Amino acid sequence: MAYIDYYKVLGISKTASENDIKKAYRKLARKYHPDLNPNDAEAEKKFKEINEANEVLSNPENRKKYDQYGEHWQHAEEYEKARQQEQYHRQHQSDGGRYSEEDFSEFFENMFGGAGRASGGRQVKFRGQDFNATLQLDLKDVYTTHKRTLTVNNKNIRITIPAGVENGQIIKIKGHGGKGINGGPNGDLYIQFSIENHSKFKRDKDNLYTNVDLDLYKALLGGDIMVDTFTGKVKLTVKPETQSDTKVKLKGKGFPKYKMEGQFGDLIITYKIILPTKLSEKERALIEQLQTLRT
């Protein structure tokens, strides 16, 4: 694996704080995001490097390993174990000297830089690196199940995105991470969904919420109105003397339930009564007459 200076990729120093890392990542991710740089291979490559750098440096444990072992940070535990074995056998060379310093030097070199063979010719297998990616979608994109092709390390991967995926949710695509070393298993690909909502509806899991304005007369007398749902308009009957902030539930008109084909949440409508303005003299007189009747 070629060495990549993750600090240089994000344009920060090795003493950068977690907040510095987060700010640098967000700034560069926006700049090089594929949606803003269509058909730009260089920007796509840069975007992948930025995500990889952030994955390592934003995790304190991974960052510590990276600072200590560089490009071999993923094999830190194996390295430490081998180093402890070396120390142990150095202390016990008087028992016949089964291991020499050259043996261990060769072991380290092969484990992290060459053929990957331990003493005796046995290959040391390592699991490939896990990849992390962020997929940005609009709320309408996850209303239905659909397929999408992602490009990860210049490799196209066809995935199915189930309806009802939530913002921040992570799914694992097994075996689509980095290639294993010396026949070891491939790593996995973890995709986190970033879902933007540009609709008039607020989403809470599989329920949707929205406000509907009612004029004073419809609220008092009742009647039929047309209201928006996520998939189109429906007719709704308003009861007479409806109060402001009254809630109405439209069952099954919410968002799809994740991995529950054909099942939906509800749409919760809150009525907001709008009072008339700029009353004419005649309107004012009629309202005053109504007030007299009410009192």
C-alpha atoms as a PDB file:
ATOM      1  CA  MET A   1       0.000   0.000   0.000  1.00  0.00           C
ATOM      2  CA  ALA A   2       1.470   3.366  -1.036  1.00  0.00           C
ATOM      3  CA  TYR A   3       1.932   5.830   1.784  1.00  0.00           C
ATOM      4  CA  ILE A   4      -0.559   8.694   1.810  1.00  0.00           C
ATOM      5  CA  ASP A   5      -0.024  11.653   4.102  1.00  0.00           C
ATOM      6  CA  TYR A   6      -3.570  12.114   5.383  1.00  0.00           C
ATOM      7  CA  TYR A   7      -2.651  15.361   7.130  1.00  0.00           C
ATOM      8  CA  LYS A   8      -1.417  16.764   3.827  1.00  0.00           C
ATOM      9  CA  VAL A   9      -4.570  15.555   2.052  1.00  0.00           C
ATOM     10  CA  LEU A  10      -6.756  17.584   4.444  1.00  0.00           C
ATOM     11  CA  GLY A  11      -4.303  20.504   4.517  1.00  0.00           C
ATOM     12  CA  ILE A  12      -3.824  20.399   8.301  1.00  0.00           C
ATOM     13  CA  SER A  13      -0.910  19.945  10.710  1.00  0.00           C
ATOM     14  CA  LYS A  14      -0.243  16.879  12.837  1.00  0.00           C
ATOM     15  CA  THR A  15      -1.291  18.877  15.901  1.00  0.00           C
ATOM     16  CA  ALA A  16      -4.743  19.661  14.448  1.00  0.00           C
ATOM     17  CA  SER A  17      -7.684  19.272  16.815  1.00  0.00           C
ATOM     18  CA  GLU A  18     -10.759  17.122  16.114  1.00  0.00           C
ATOM     19  CA  ASN A  19     -12.649  20.300  15.280  1.00  0.00           C
ATOM     20  CA  ASP A  20      -9.905  21.360  12.819  1.00  0.00           C
ATOM     21  CA  ILE A  21     -10.160  17.980  11.100  1.00  0.00           C
ATOM     22  CA  LYS A  22     -13.954  18.221  10.861  1.00  0.00           C
ATOM     23  CA  LYS A  23     -13.837  21.745   9.394  1.00  0.00           C
ATOM     24  CA  ALA A  24     -11.137  20.846   6.857  1.00  0.00           C
ATOM     25  CA  TYR A  25     -13.006  17.722   5.751  1.00  0.00           C
ATOM     26  CA  ARG A  26     -16.334  19.520   5.287  1.00  0.00           C
ATOM     27  CA  LYS A  27     -14.733  22.329   3.298  1.00  0.00           C
ATOM     28  CA  LEU A  28     -12.853  19.984   0.938  1.00  0.00           C
ATOM     29  CA  ALA A  29     -15.743  17.509   0.617  1.00  0.00           C
ATOM     30  CA  ARG A  30     -17.993  20.316  -0.600  1.00  0.00           C
ATOM     31  CA  LYS A  31     -15.344  21.538  -3.029  1.00  0.00           C
ATOM     32  CA  TYR A  32     -14.610  18.153  -4.627  1.00  0.00           C
ATOM     33  CA  HIS A  33     -18.022  16.464  -4.310  1.00  0.00           C
ATOM     34  CA  PRO A  34     -18.901  14.538  -7.532  1.00  0.00           C
ATOM     35  CA  ASP A  35     -22.256  16.327  -7.793  1.00  0.00           C
ATOM     36  CA  LEU A  36     -20.404  19.639  -8.159  1.00  0.00           C
ATOM     37  CA  ASN A  37     -17.714  18.178 -10.434  1.00  0.00           C
ATOM     38  CA  PRO A  38     -19.515  15.890 -12.908  1.00  0.00           C
ATOM     39  CA  ASN A  39     -17.254  13.810 -15.163  1.00  0.00           C
ATOM     40  CA  ASP A  40     -14.145  15.153 -13.401  1.00  0.00           C
ATOM     41  CA  ALA A  41     -11.951  12.120 -12.685  1.00  0.00           C
ATOM     42  CA  GLU A  42      -9.370  14.164 -10.791  1.00  0.00           C
ATOM     43  CA  ALA A  43     -12.005  15.663  -8.475  1.00  0.00           C
ATOM     44  CA  GLU A  44     -13.483  12.191  -7.902  1.00  0.00           C
ATOM     45  CA  LYS A  45     -10.033  10.840  -6.966  1.00  0.00           C
ATOM     46  CA  LYS A  46      -9.458  13.784  -4.627  1.00  0.00           C
ATOM     47  CA  PHE A  47     -12.893  13.256  -3.020  1.00  0.00           C
ATOM     48  CA  LYS A  48     -12.013   9.612  -2.269  1.00  0.00           C
ATOM     49  CA  GLU A  49      -8.691  10.599  -0.713  1.00  0.00           C
ATOM     50  CA  ILE A  50     -10.432  13.205   1.454  1.00  0.00           C
ATOM     51  CA  ASN A  51     -12.960  10.640   2.723  1.00  0.00           C
ATOM     52  CA  GLU A  52     -10.203   8.111   3.419  1.00  0.00           C
ATOM     53  CA  ALA A  53      -8.154  10.697   5.321  1.00  0.00           C
ATOM     54  CA  ASN A  54     -11.161  11.767   7.364  1.00  0.00           C
ATOM     55  CA  GLU A  55     -12.050   8.151   8.186  1.00  0.00           C
ATOM     56  CA  VAL A  56      -8.627   7.659   9.779  1.00  0.00           C
ATOM     57  CA  LEU A  57      -7.941  11.033  11.389  1.00  0.00           C
ATOM     58  CA  SER A  58     -11.431  11.674  12.774  1.00  0.00           C
ATOM     59  CA  ASN A  59     -11.225   8.440  14.771  1.00  0.00           C
ATOM     60  CA  PRO A  60      -8.863   9.038  17.748  1.00  0.00           C
ATOM     61  CA  GLU A  61      -7.845   5.368  17.960  1.00  0.00           C
ATOM     62  CA  ASN A  62      -7.139   5.082  14.223  1.00  0.00           C
ATOM     63  CA  ARG A  63      -5.287   8.404  14.268  1.00  0.00           C
ATOM     64  CA  LYS A  64      -3.016   7.206  17.070  1.00  0.00           C
ATOM     65  CA  LYS A  65      -2.178   4.054  15.103  1.00  0.00           C
ATOM     66  CA  TYR A  66      -1.584   6.081  11.941  1.00  0.00           C
ATOM     67  CA  ASP A  67       0.729   8.501  13.736  1.00  0.00           C
ATOM     68  CA  GLN A  68       2.761   5.574  15.049  1.00  0.00           C
ATOM     69  CA  TYR A  69       2.760   3.143  12.117  1.00  0.00           C
ATOM     70  CA  GLY A  70       2.010   5.257   9.049  1.00  0.00           C
ATOM     71  CA  GLU A  71       0.713   3.225   6.111  1.00  0.00           C
ATOM     72  CA  HIS A  72       0.802   0.068   8.286  1.00  0.00           C
ATOM     73  CA  TRP A  73      -1.655   1.483  10.851  1.00  0.00           C
ATOM     74  CA  GLN A  74      -4.284  -1.154  10.076  1.00  0.00           C
ATOM     75  CA  HIS A  75      -1.876  -3.885  11.158  1.00  0.00           C
ATOM     76  CA  ALA A  76      -0.837  -2.170  14.387  1.00  0.00           C
ATOM     77  CA  GLU A  77      -2.031  -5.037  16.587  1.00  0.00           C
ATOM     78  CA  GLU A  78      -0.134  -7.648  14.572  1.00  0.00           C
ATOM     79  CA  TYR A  79       2.955  -5.441  14.617  1.00  0.00           C
ATOM     80  CA  GLU A  80       2.776  -5.004  18.383  1.00  0.00           C
ATOM     81  CA  LYS A  81       2.302  -8.724  18.887  1.00  0.00           C
ATOM     82  CA  ALA A  82       5.298  -9.519  16.707  1.00  0.00           C
ATOM     83  CA  ARG A  83       7.394  -6.872  18.464  1.00  0.00           C
ATOM     84  CA  GLN A  84       6.534  -8.374  21.849  1.00  0.00           C
ATOM     85  CA  GLN A  85       7.531 -11.804  20.553  1.00  0.00           C
ATOM     86  CA  GLU A  86      10.829 -10.372  19.349  1.00  0.00           C
ATOM     87  CA  GLN A  87      11.520  -8.842  22.755  1.00  0.00           C
ATOM     88  CA  TYR A  88      10.640 -12.089  24.477  1.00  0.00           C
ATOM     89  CA  HIS A  89      12.951 -14.183  22.329  1.00  0.00           C
ATOM     90  CA  ARG A  90      15.775 -11.680  22.606  1.00  0.00           C
ATOM     91  CA  GLN A  91      15.547 -12.094  26.367  1.00  0.00           C
ATOM     92  CA  HIS A  92      15.627 -15.877  26.007  1.00  0.00           C
ATOM     93  CA  GLN A  93      18.323 -16.299  23.371  1.00  0.00           C
ATOM     94  CA  SER A  94      20.298 -18.287  25.928  1.00  0.00           C
ATOM     95  CA  ASP A  95      17.906 -21.243  25.444  1.00  0.00           C
ATOM     96  CA  GLY A  96      19.537 -22.155  22.149  1.00  0.00           C
ATOM     97  CA  GLY A  97      18.983 -19.095  20.022  1.00  0.00           C
ATOM     98  CA  ARG A  98      16.125 -20.417  17.885  1.00  0.00           C
ATOM     99  CA  TYR A  99      15.332 -16.901  16.596  1.00  0.00           C
ATOM    100  CA  SER A 100      17.918 -14.414  15.460  1.00  0.00           C
ATOM    101  CA  GLU A 101      17.509 -10.688  15.103  1.00  0.00           C
ATOM    102  CA  GLU A 102      17.716 -11.149  11.334  1.00  0.00           C
ATOM    103  CA  ASP A 103      14.745 -13.547  11.479  1.00  0.00           C
ATOM    104  CA  PHE A 104      12.569 -10.924  13.109  1.00  0.00           C
ATOM    105  CA  SER A 105      13.808  -8.115  10.867  1.00  0.00           C
ATOM    106  CA  GLU A 106      12.862 -10.226   7.866  1.00  0.00           C
ATOM    107  CA  PHE A 107       9.513 -11.020   9.497  1.00  0.00           C
ATOM    108  CA  PHE A 108       8.678  -7.342   9.961  1.00  0.00           C
ATOM    109  CA  GLU A 109       9.848  -6.463   6.467  1.00  0.00           C
ATOM    110  CA  ASN A 110       7.788  -9.199   4.894  1.00  0.00           C
ATOM    111  CA  MET A 111       4.726  -8.539   7.042  1.00  0.00           C
ATOM    112  CA  PHE A 112       4.466  -4.888   6.128  1.00  0.00           C
ATOM    113  CA  GLY A 113       6.413  -4.366   2.972  1.00  0.00           C
ATOM    114  CA  GLY A 114       7.144  -7.476   0.983  1.00  0.00           C
ATOM    115  CA  ALA A 115       6.161 -11.057   0.362  1.00  0.00           C
ATOM    116  CA  GLY A 116       4.298 -11.470   3.649  1.00  0.00           C
ATOM    117  CA  ARG A 117       5.959 -14.671   4.835  1.00  0.00           C
ATOM    118  CA  ALA A 118       6.577 -15.558   8.441  1.00  0.00           C
ATOM    119  CA  SER A 119       9.457 -17.727   9.553  1.00  0.00           C
ATOM    120  CA  GLY A 120       9.272 -21.176   8.013  1.00  0.00           C
ATOM    121  CA  GLY A 121       7.841 -19.817   4.732  1.00  0.00           C
ATOM    122  CA  ARG A 122       4.215 -19.528   5.978  1.00  0.00           C
ATOM    123  CA  GLN A 123       2.331 -16.601   4.459  1.00  0.00           C
ATOM    124  CA  VAL A 124       0.750 -14.126   6.834  1.00  0.00           C
ATOM    125  CA  LYS A 125      -2.777 -13.262   5.651  1.00  0.00           C
ATOM    126  CA  PHE A 126      -4.350  -9.918   6.417  1.00  0.00           C
ATOM    127  CA  ARG A 127      -7.913  -8.740   5.955  1.00  0.00           C
ATOM    128  CA  GLY A 128      -8.312  -5.866   3.517  1.00  0.00           C
ATOM    129  CA  GLN A 129      -9.098  -2.324   4.569  1.00  0.00           C
ATOM    130  CA  ASP A 130     -12.716  -1.341   5.166  1.00  0.00           C
ATOM    131  CA  PHE A 131     -13.879   1.523   2.964  1.00  0.00           C
ATOM    132  CA  ASN A 132     -16.283   4.238   4.055  1.00  0.00           C
ATOM    133  CA  ALA A 133     -18.342   6.333   1.669  1.00  0.00           C
ATOM    134  CA  THR A 134     -21.099   8.929   2.003  1.00  0.00           C
ATOM    135  CA  LEU A 135     -23.983   8.856  -0.458  1.00  0.00           C
ATOM    136  CA  GLN A 136     -25.984  12.078  -0.707  1.00  0.00           C
ATOM    137  CA  LEU A 137     -29.629  11.706  -1.705  1.00  0.00           C
ATOM    138  CA  ASP A 138     -32.816  13.739  -1.657  1.00  0.00           C
ATOM    139  CA  LEU A 139     -35.790  12.610   0.419  1.00  0.00           C
ATOM    140  CA  LYS A 140     -37.738  11.781  -2.734  1.00  0.00           C
ATOM    141  CA  ASP A 141     -34.906   9.435  -3.804  1.00  0.00           C
ATOM    142  CA  VAL A 142     -35.549   7.092  -0.877  1.00  0.00           C
ATOM    143  CA  TYR A 143     -39.336   7.019  -1.182  1.00  0.00           C
ATOM    144  CA  THR A 144     -39.044   4.025  -3.520  1.00  0.00           C
ATOM    145  CA  THR A 145     -36.602   1.128  -3.676  1.00  0.00           C
ATOM    146  CA  HIS A 146     -34.150   1.629  -6.517  1.00  0.00           C
ATOM    147  CA  LYS A 147     -30.748   0.570  -7.787  1.00  0.00           C
ATOM    148  CA  ARG A 148     -27.738   2.828  -8.113  1.00  0.00           C
ATOM    149  CA  THR A 149     -24.190   2.390  -9.381  1.00  0.00           C
ATOM    150  CA  LEU A 150     -21.370   3.675  -7.159  1.00  0.00           C
ATOM    151  CA  THR A 151     -17.737   4.055  -8.143  1.00  0.00           C
ATOM    152  CA  VAL A 152     -15.371   3.030  -5.359  1.00  0.00           C
ATOM    153  CA  ASN A 153     -11.620   2.955  -6.101  1.00  0.00           C
ATOM    154  CA  ASN A 154     -12.317   3.040  -9.849  1.00  0.00           C
ATOM    155  CA  LYS A 155     -14.612   0.044  -9.509  1.00  0.00           C
ATOM    156  CA  ASN A 156     -18.348   0.193 -10.257  1.00  0.00           C
ATOM    157  CA  ILE A 157     -20.609  -1.383  -7.639  1.00  0.00           C
ATOM    158  CA  ARG A 158     -24.333  -1.851  -8.262  1.00  0.00           C
ATOM    159  CA  ILE A 159     -26.340  -1.603  -5.042  1.00  0.00           C
ATOM    160  CA  THR A 160     -30.020  -1.655  -4.139  1.00  0.00           C
ATOM    161  CA  ILE A 161     -31.199   1.211  -1.922  1.00  0.00           C
ATOM    162  CA  PRO A 162     -34.297   0.106   0.011  1.00  0.00           C
ATOM    163  CA  ALA A 163     -37.179   2.540   0.379  1.00  0.00           C
ATOM    164  CA  GLY A 164     -37.337   4.172   3.804  1.00  0.00           C
ATOM    165  CA  VAL A 165     -33.576   4.535   4.408  1.00  0.00           C
ATOM    166  CA  GLU A 166     -32.984   7.182   7.077  1.00  0.00           C
ATOM    167  CA  ASN A 167     -30.567  10.082   7.211  1.00  0.00           C
ATOM    168  CA  GLY A 168     -27.290   8.960   8.810  1.00  0.00           C
ATOM    169  CA  GLN A 169     -28.081   5.258   8.373  1.00  0.00           C
ATOM    170  CA  ILE A 170     -25.133   3.023   7.472  1.00  0.00           C
ATOM    171  CA  ILE A 171     -25.312  -0.161   5.421  1.00  0.00           C
ATOM    172  CA  LYS A 172     -22.520  -2.686   4.868  1.00  0.00           C
ATOM    173  CA  ILE A 173     -21.635  -4.111   1.451  1.00  0.00           C
ATOM    174  CA  LYS A 174     -19.616  -7.214   2.324  1.00  0.00           C
ATOM    175  CA  GLY A 175     -16.367  -7.859   0.480  1.00  0.00           C
ATOM    176  CA  HIS A 176     -16.282  -4.571  -1.444  1.00  0.00           C
ATOM    177  CA  GLY A 177     -13.574  -2.912   0.629  1.00  0.00           C
ATOM    178  CA  GLY A 178      -9.811  -3.145   0.120  1.00  0.00           C
ATOM    179  CA  LYS A 179      -8.255  -6.288  -1.303  1.00  0.00           C
ATOM    180  CA  GLY A 180      -6.924  -8.757   1.255  1.00  0.00           C
ATOM    181  CA  ILE A 181      -3.174  -9.268   1.600  1.00  0.00           C
ATOM    182  CA  ASN A 182      -1.655 -12.665   0.795  1.00  0.00           C
ATOM    183  CA  GLY A 183      -5.054 -14.231   0.151  1.00  0.00           C
ATOM    184  CA  GLY A 184      -6.724 -12.702   3.166  1.00  0.00           C
ATOM    185  CA  PRO A 185     -10.425 -11.704   2.946  1.00  0.00           C
ATOM    186  CA  ASN A 186     -11.426  -8.409   1.388  1.00  0.00           C
ATOM    187  CA  GLY A 187     -12.585  -5.620   3.641  1.00  0.00           C
ATOM    188  CA  ASP A 188     -16.153  -4.332   3.593  1.00  0.00           C
ATOM    189  CA  LEU A 189     -17.702  -1.158   2.204  1.00  0.00           C
ATOM    190  CA  TYR A 190     -19.724   0.957   4.635  1.00  0.00           C
ATOM    191  CA  ILE A 191     -22.088   3.462   3.048  1.00  0.00           C
ATOM    192  CA  GLN A 192     -23.594   6.253   5.136  1.00  0.00           C
ATOM    193  CA  PHE A 193     -26.658   8.006   3.723  1.00  0.00           C
ATOM    194  CA  SER A 194     -26.882  11.789   3.864  1.00  0.00           C
ATOM    195  CA  ILE A 195     -30.498  12.620   3.007  1.00  0.00           C
ATOM    196  CA  GLU A 196     -31.542  16.202   2.347  1.00  0.00           C
ATOM    197  CA  ASN A 197     -35.188  17.203   2.668  1.00  0.00           C
ATOM    198  CA  HIS A 198     -36.353  19.872   0.236  1.00  0.00           C
ATOM    199  CA  SER A 199     -40.039  19.019   0.600  1.00  0.00           C
ATOM    200  CA  LYS A 200     -42.739  20.751   2.664  1.00  0.00           C
ATOM    201  CA  PHE A 201     -42.970  17.665   4.862  1.00  0.00           C
ATOM    202  CA  LYS A 202     -41.069  16.972   8.061  1.00  0.00           C
ATOM    203  CA  ARG A 203     -40.018  13.334   8.429  1.00  0.00           C
ATOM    204  CA  ASP A 204     -39.850  11.400  11.692  1.00  0.00           C
ATOM    205  CA  LYS A 205     -38.964   7.785  10.908  1.00  0.00           C
ATOM    206  CA  ASP A 206     -41.896   6.618   8.739  1.00  0.00           C
ATOM    207  CA  ASN A 207     -44.330   9.407   9.628  1.00  0.00           C
ATOM    208  CA  LEU A 208     -44.620  12.710   7.773  1.00  0.00           C
ATOM    209  CA  TYR A 209     -45.831  16.019   9.206  1.00  0.00           C
ATOM    210  CA  THR A 210     -47.091  19.158   7.496  1.00  0.00           C
ATOM    211  CA  ASN A 211     -49.203  22.265   8.169  1.00  0.00           C
ATOM    212  CA  VAL A 212     -52.303  23.192   6.169  1.00  0.00           C
ATOM    213  CA  ASP A 213     -53.736  26.713   6.191  1.00  0.00           C
ATOM    214  CA  LEU A 214     -57.499  27.136   6.668  1.00  0.00           C
ATOM    215  CA  ASP A 215     -59.371  30.372   6.127  1.00  0.00           C
ATOM    216  CA  LEU A 216     -61.718  31.454   8.894  1.00  0.00           C
ATOM    217  CA  TYR A 217     -64.878  30.569   7.005  1.00  0.00           C
ATOM    218  CA  LYS A 218     -63.769  27.009   6.149  1.00  0.00           C
ATOM    219  CA  ALA A 219     -62.761  26.494   9.771  1.00  0.00           C
ATOM    220  CA  LEU A 220     -66.140  27.698  11.024  1.00  0.00           C
ATOM    221  CA  LEU A 221     -68.434  26.117   8.455  1.00  0.00           C
ATOM    222  CA  GLY A 222     -66.405  23.087   7.382  1.00  0.00           C
ATOM    223  CA  GLY A 223     -66.198  21.684   3.863  1.00  0.00           C
ATOM    224  CA  ASP A 224     -63.886  19.912   1.432  1.00  0.00           C
ATOM    225  CA  ILE A 225     -60.310  21.001   0.682  1.00  0.00           C
ATOM    226  CA  MET A 226     -57.439  19.570  -1.393  1.00  0.00           C
ATOM    227  CA  VAL A 227     -54.247  18.845   0.549  1.00  0.00           C
ATOM    228  CA  ASP A 228     -50.786  17.779  -0.595  1.00  0.00           C
ATOM    229  CA  THR A 229     -49.361  14.378   0.269  1.00  0.00           C
ATOM    230  CA  PHE A 230     -45.892  13.130  -0.692  1.00  0.00           C
ATOM    231  CA  THR A 231     -47.296  11.506  -3.836  1.00  0.00           C
ATOM    232  CA  GLY A 232     -49.974  14.015  -4.845  1.00  0.00           C
ATOM    233  CA  LYS A 233     -53.145  15.787  -3.742  1.00  0.00           C
ATOM    234  CA  VAL A 234     -56.094  14.189  -1.929  1.00  0.00           C
ATOM    235  CA  LYS A 235     -59.498  15.547  -0.903  1.00  0.00           C
ATOM    236  CA  LEU A 236     -60.066  16.058   2.811  1.00  0.00           C
ATOM    237  CA  THR A 237     -63.244  17.036   4.645  1.00  0.00           C
ATOM    238  CA  VAL A 238     -62.846  19.729   7.308  1.00  0.00           C
ATOM    239  CA  LYS A 239     -65.259  19.465  10.214  1.00  0.00           C
ATOM    240  CA  PRO A 240     -67.282  22.564  11.165  1.00  0.00           C
ATOM    241  CA  GLU A 241     -65.868  24.676  14.020  1.00  0.00           C
ATOM    242  CA  THR A 242     -62.346  23.308  13.548  1.00  0.00           C
ATOM    243  CA  GLN A 243     -59.854  24.949  15.923  1.00  0.00           C
ATOM    244  CA  SER A 244     -56.357  26.107  15.010  1.00  0.00           C
ATOM    245  CA  ASP A 245     -53.635  23.463  15.669  1.00  0.00           C
ATOM    246  CA  THR A 246     -56.167  20.640  15.252  1.00  0.00           C
ATOM    247  CA  LYS A 247     -54.336  17.540  14.020  1.00  0.00           C
ATOM    248  CA  VAL A 248     -55.660  15.086  11.436  1.00  0.00           C
ATOM    249  CA  LYS A 249     -54.039  11.743  10.634  1.00  0.00           C
ATOM    250  CA  LEU A 250     -54.069  10.375   7.078  1.00  0.00           C
ATOM    251  CA  LYS A 251     -53.287   6.703   7.623  1.00  0.00           C
ATOM    252  CA  GLY A 252     -50.814   5.134   5.203  1.00  0.00           C
ATOM    253  CA  LYS A 253     -49.930   8.455   3.551  1.00  0.00           C
ATOM    254  CA  GLY A 254     -46.567   8.790   5.275  1.00  0.00           C
ATOM    255  CA  PHE A 255     -43.139   7.394   4.362  1.00  0.00           C
ATOM    256  CA  PRO A 256     -42.335   3.764   3.447  1.00  0.00           C
ATOM    257  CA  LYS A 257     -41.293   1.543   6.344  1.00  0.00           C
ATOM    258  CA  TYR A 258     -37.709   0.360   5.917  1.00  0.00           C
ATOM    259  CA  LYS A 259     -37.548  -3.140   4.407  1.00  0.00           C
ATOM    260  CA  MET A 260     -41.301  -3.638   4.970  1.00  0.00           C
ATOM    261  CA  GLU A 261     -42.615  -3.783   1.418  1.00  0.00           C
ATOM    262  CA  GLY A 262     -45.970  -2.073   0.915  1.00  0.00           C
ATOM    263  CA  GLN A 263     -46.184  -0.667   4.449  1.00  0.00           C
ATOM    264  CA  PHE A 264     -46.237   3.076   5.128  1.00  0.00           C
ATOM    265  CA  GLY A 265     -46.370   5.424   8.068  1.00  0.00           C
ATOM    266  CA  ASP A 266     -48.972   8.160   8.476  1.00  0.00           C
ATOM    267  CA  LEU A 267     -49.259  11.781   7.373  1.00  0.00           C
ATOM    268  CA  ILE A 268     -50.081  14.086  10.273  1.00  0.00           C
ATOM    269  CA  ILE A 269     -51.691  17.379   9.226  1.00  0.00           C
ATOM    270  CA  THR A 270     -51.912  20.366  11.564  1.00  0.00           C
ATOM    271  CA  TYR A 271     -54.503  23.010  10.672  1.00  0.00           C
ATOM    272  CA  LYS A 272     -53.431  26.657  10.933  1.00  0.00           C
ATOM    273  CA  ILE A 273     -56.325  29.117  10.781  1.00  0.00           C
ATOM    274  CA  ILE A 274     -55.608  32.294   8.845  1.00  0.00           C
ATOM    275  CA  LEU A 275     -57.665  35.321   9.870  1.00  0.00           C
ATOM    276  CA  PRO A 276     -58.874  37.677   7.129  1.00  0.00           C
ATOM    277  CA  THR A 277     -57.238  41.093   6.782  1.00  0.00           C
ATOM    278  CA  LYS A 278     -58.157  44.380   5.093  1.00  0.00           C
ATOM    279  CA  LEU A 279     -61.844  43.999   5.962  1.00  0.00           C
ATOM    280  CA  SER A 280     -64.361  46.072   4.032  1.00  0.00           C
ATOM    281  CA  GLU A 281     -66.894  48.206   5.902  1.00  0.00           C
ATOM    282  CA  LYS A 282     -69.625  45.711   5.100  1.00  0.00           C
ATOM    283  CA  GLU A 283     -67.509  42.773   6.351  1.00  0.00           C
ATOM    284  CA  ARG A 284     -66.692  44.612   9.550  1.00  0.00           C
ATOM    285  CA  ALA A 285     -70.374  45.414  10.134  1.00  0.00           C
ATOM    286  CA  LEU A 286     -71.349  41.771   9.627  1.00  0.00           C
ATOM    287  CA  ILE A 287     -68.667  40.586  12.047  1.00  0.00           C
ATOM    288  CA  GLU A 288     -69.814  43.113  14.629  1.00  0.00           C
ATOM    289  CA  GLN A 289     -73.338  41.844  14.143  1.00  0.00           C
ATOM    290  CA  LEU A 290     -72.094  38.293  14.656  1.00  0.00           C
ATOM    291  CA  GLN A 291     -70.292  39.403  17.814  1.00  0.00           C
ATOM    292  CA  THR A 292     -73.530  40.861  19.137  1.00  0.00           C
ATOM    293  CA  LEU A 293     -75.341  37.597  18.474  1.00  0.00           C
ATOM    294  CA  ARG A 294     -72.620  35.600  20.261  1.00  0.00           C
ATOM    295  CA  THR A 295     -72.696  37.786  23.382  1.00  0.00           C
END
